Amino acid sequence: MFTHAMQRAAQAFEAVGAIVLVVGFVLSLVAAARAWRKSRRSADGYLALRRCFGGALLLGLEVLVAADLIRTVAVAPTLDNGRHWTT
């Protein structure tokens, strides 16, 4: 029961992480377009894109790391955990 609940929690974190990345990318494109339209300089649009997407990327990756931690520690806490990824 506990393992199943933690597996579902890890899946939920993965879904949230993916949503954060997609929504963050879309909002970053909007911010870049606004910055470019306001200044008419492509460098300003690029900087706005990097700044906005950088924050979204960090948040999304942190959520995905949390999902991995839940899965590693709560779902399958063995010394062999992760070996199936390399074979």
C-alpha atoms as a PDB file:
ATOM      1  CA  MET A   1       0.000   0.000   0.000  1.00  0.00           C
ATOM      2  CA  PHE A   2       2.741   2.464   0.987  1.00  0.00           C
ATOM      3  CA  THR A   3       4.872   1.586  -2.046  1.00  0.00           C
ATOM      4  CA  HIS A   4       1.916   2.067  -4.357  1.00  0.00           C
ATOM      5  CA  ALA A   5       1.132   5.460  -2.809  1.00  0.00           C
ATOM      6  CA  MET A   6       4.754   6.584  -3.169  1.00  0.00           C
ATOM      7  CA  GLN A   7       4.819   5.389  -6.772  1.00  0.00           C
ATOM      8  CA  ARG A   8       1.727   7.516  -7.455  1.00  0.00           C
ATOM      9  CA  ALA A   9       3.325  10.473  -5.661  1.00  0.00           C
ATOM     10  CA  ALA A  10       6.448  10.145  -7.816  1.00  0.00           C
ATOM     11  CA  GLN A  11       4.286  10.032 -10.955  1.00  0.00           C
ATOM     12  CA  ALA A  12       2.428  13.135  -9.804  1.00  0.00           C
ATOM     13  CA  PHE A  13       5.715  14.975  -9.250  1.00  0.00           C
ATOM     14  CA  GLU A  14       6.897  13.928 -12.711  1.00  0.00           C
ATOM     15  CA  ALA A  15       3.686  15.233 -14.268  1.00  0.00           C
ATOM     16  CA  VAL A  16       3.986  18.536 -12.405  1.00  0.00           C
ATOM     17  CA  GLY A  17       7.634  18.847 -13.460  1.00  0.00           C
ATOM     18  CA  ALA A  18       6.758  18.296 -17.108  1.00  0.00           C
ATOM     19  CA  ILE A  19       3.901  20.803 -16.914  1.00  0.00           C
ATOM     20  CA  VAL A  20       6.189  23.387 -15.317  1.00  0.00           C
ATOM     21  CA  LEU A  21       8.683  22.951 -18.160  1.00  0.00           C
ATOM     22  CA  VAL A  22       6.086  23.249 -20.924  1.00  0.00           C
ATOM     23  CA  VAL A  23       4.202  26.184 -19.386  1.00  0.00           C
ATOM     24  CA  GLY A  24       7.470  27.886 -18.485  1.00  0.00           C
ATOM     25  CA  PHE A  25       8.684  27.594 -22.062  1.00  0.00           C
ATOM     26  CA  VAL A  26       5.462  29.048 -23.464  1.00  0.00           C
ATOM     27  CA  LEU A  27       5.487  31.932 -20.972  1.00  0.00           C
ATOM     28  CA  SER A  28       9.149  32.551 -21.784  1.00  0.00           C
ATOM     29  CA  LEU A  29       8.314  32.863 -25.465  1.00  0.00           C
ATOM     30  CA  VAL A  30       5.593  35.375 -24.608  1.00  0.00           C
ATOM     31  CA  ALA A  31       8.000  37.372 -22.426  1.00  0.00           C
ATOM     32  CA  ALA A  32      10.624  37.324 -25.177  1.00  0.00           C
ATOM     33  CA  ALA A  33       8.117  38.515 -27.771  1.00  0.00           C
ATOM     34  CA  ARG A  34       7.017  41.351 -25.499  1.00  0.00           C
ATOM     35  CA  ALA A  35      10.601  42.417 -24.814  1.00  0.00           C
ATOM     36  CA  TRP A  36      11.448  42.295 -28.502  1.00  0.00           C
ATOM     37  CA  ARG A  37       8.303  44.235 -29.459  1.00  0.00           C
ATOM     38  CA  LYS A  38       8.993  46.876 -26.819  1.00  0.00           C
ATOM     39  CA  SER A  39      12.648  47.506 -27.713  1.00  0.00           C
ATOM     40  CA  ARG A  40      12.836  46.164 -31.294  1.00  0.00           C
ATOM     41  CA  ARG A  41      16.176  44.619 -30.374  1.00  0.00           C
ATOM     42  CA  SER A  42      16.559  40.874 -30.742  1.00  0.00           C
ATOM     43  CA  ALA A  43      19.126  40.810 -27.935  1.00  0.00           C
ATOM     44  CA  ASP A  44      16.500  42.033 -25.463  1.00  0.00           C
ATOM     45  CA  GLY A  45      14.111  39.287 -26.549  1.00  0.00           C
ATOM     46  CA  TYR A  46      16.826  36.683 -26.224  1.00  0.00           C
ATOM     47  CA  LEU A  47      17.792  37.872 -22.745  1.00  0.00           C
ATOM     48  CA  ALA A  48      14.159  37.830 -21.617  1.00  0.00           C
ATOM     49  CA  LEU A  49      13.780  34.299 -23.001  1.00  0.00           C
ATOM     50  CA  ARG A  50      16.885  33.078 -21.181  1.00  0.00           C
ATOM     51  CA  ARG A  51      15.936  34.757 -17.916  1.00  0.00           C
ATOM     52  CA  CYS A  52      12.362  33.478 -17.889  1.00  0.00           C
ATOM     53  CA  PHE A  53      13.064  29.992 -19.174  1.00  0.00           C
ATOM     54  CA  GLY A  54      16.075  29.614 -16.900  1.00  0.00           C
ATOM     55  CA  GLY A  55      13.847  30.031 -13.857  1.00  0.00           C
ATOM     56  CA  ALA A  56      11.230  27.646 -15.233  1.00  0.00           C
ATOM     57  CA  LEU A  57      13.917  25.117 -16.102  1.00  0.00           C
ATOM     58  CA  LEU A  58      15.361  25.212 -12.600  1.00  0.00           C
ATOM     59  CA  LEU A  59      11.946  24.793 -11.011  1.00  0.00           C
ATOM     60  CA  GLY A  60      10.968  21.964 -13.364  1.00  0.00           C
ATOM     61  CA  LEU A  61      14.216  20.111 -12.765  1.00  0.00           C
ATOM     62  CA  GLU A  62      13.894  20.492  -8.997  1.00  0.00           C
ATOM     63  CA  VAL A  63      10.432  18.942  -9.132  1.00  0.00           C
ATOM     64  CA  LEU A  64      11.723  16.098 -11.325  1.00  0.00           C
ATOM     65  CA  VAL A  65      14.585  15.477  -8.898  1.00  0.00           C
ATOM     66  CA  ALA A  66      12.031  15.278  -6.079  1.00  0.00           C
ATOM     67  CA  ALA A  67      10.150  12.632  -8.078  1.00  0.00           C
ATOM     68  CA  ASP A  68      13.354  10.676  -8.543  1.00  0.00           C
ATOM     69  CA  LEU A  69      14.161  10.907  -4.843  1.00  0.00           C
ATOM     70  CA  ILE A  70      10.718   9.645  -3.883  1.00  0.00           C
ATOM     71  CA  ARG A  71      11.025   6.745  -6.289  1.00  0.00           C
ATOM     72  CA  THR A  72      14.578   5.900  -5.202  1.00  0.00           C
ATOM     73  CA  VAL A  73      14.131   6.169  -1.437  1.00  0.00           C
ATOM     74  CA  ALA A  74      10.510   5.217  -0.826  1.00  0.00           C
ATOM     75  CA  VAL A  75       9.638   2.879  -3.675  1.00  0.00           C
ATOM     76  CA  ALA A  76      12.739   0.745  -4.185  1.00  0.00           C
ATOM     77  CA  PRO A  77      15.334   1.355  -1.456  1.00  0.00           C
ATOM     78  CA  THR A  78      17.933  -1.273  -2.413  1.00  0.00           C
ATOM     79  CA  LEU A  79      21.633  -1.151  -3.157  1.00  0.00           C
ATOM     80  CA  ASP A  80      20.895  -2.412  -6.672  1.00  0.00           C
ATOM     81  CA  ASN A  81      18.397   0.378  -7.376  1.00  0.00           C
ATOM     82  CA  GLY A  82      19.140   1.975 -10.709  1.00  0.00           C
ATOM     83  CA  ARG A  83      21.112  -0.881 -12.248  1.00  0.00           C
ATOM     84  CA  HIS A  84      18.280  -1.585 -14.680  1.00  0.00           C
ATOM     85  CA  TRP A  85      18.983   1.794 -16.290  1.00  0.00           C
ATOM     86  CA  THR A  86      22.480   0.805 -17.388  1.00  0.00           C
ATOM     87  CA  THR A  87      21.780  -2.647 -18.823  1.00  0.00           C
END
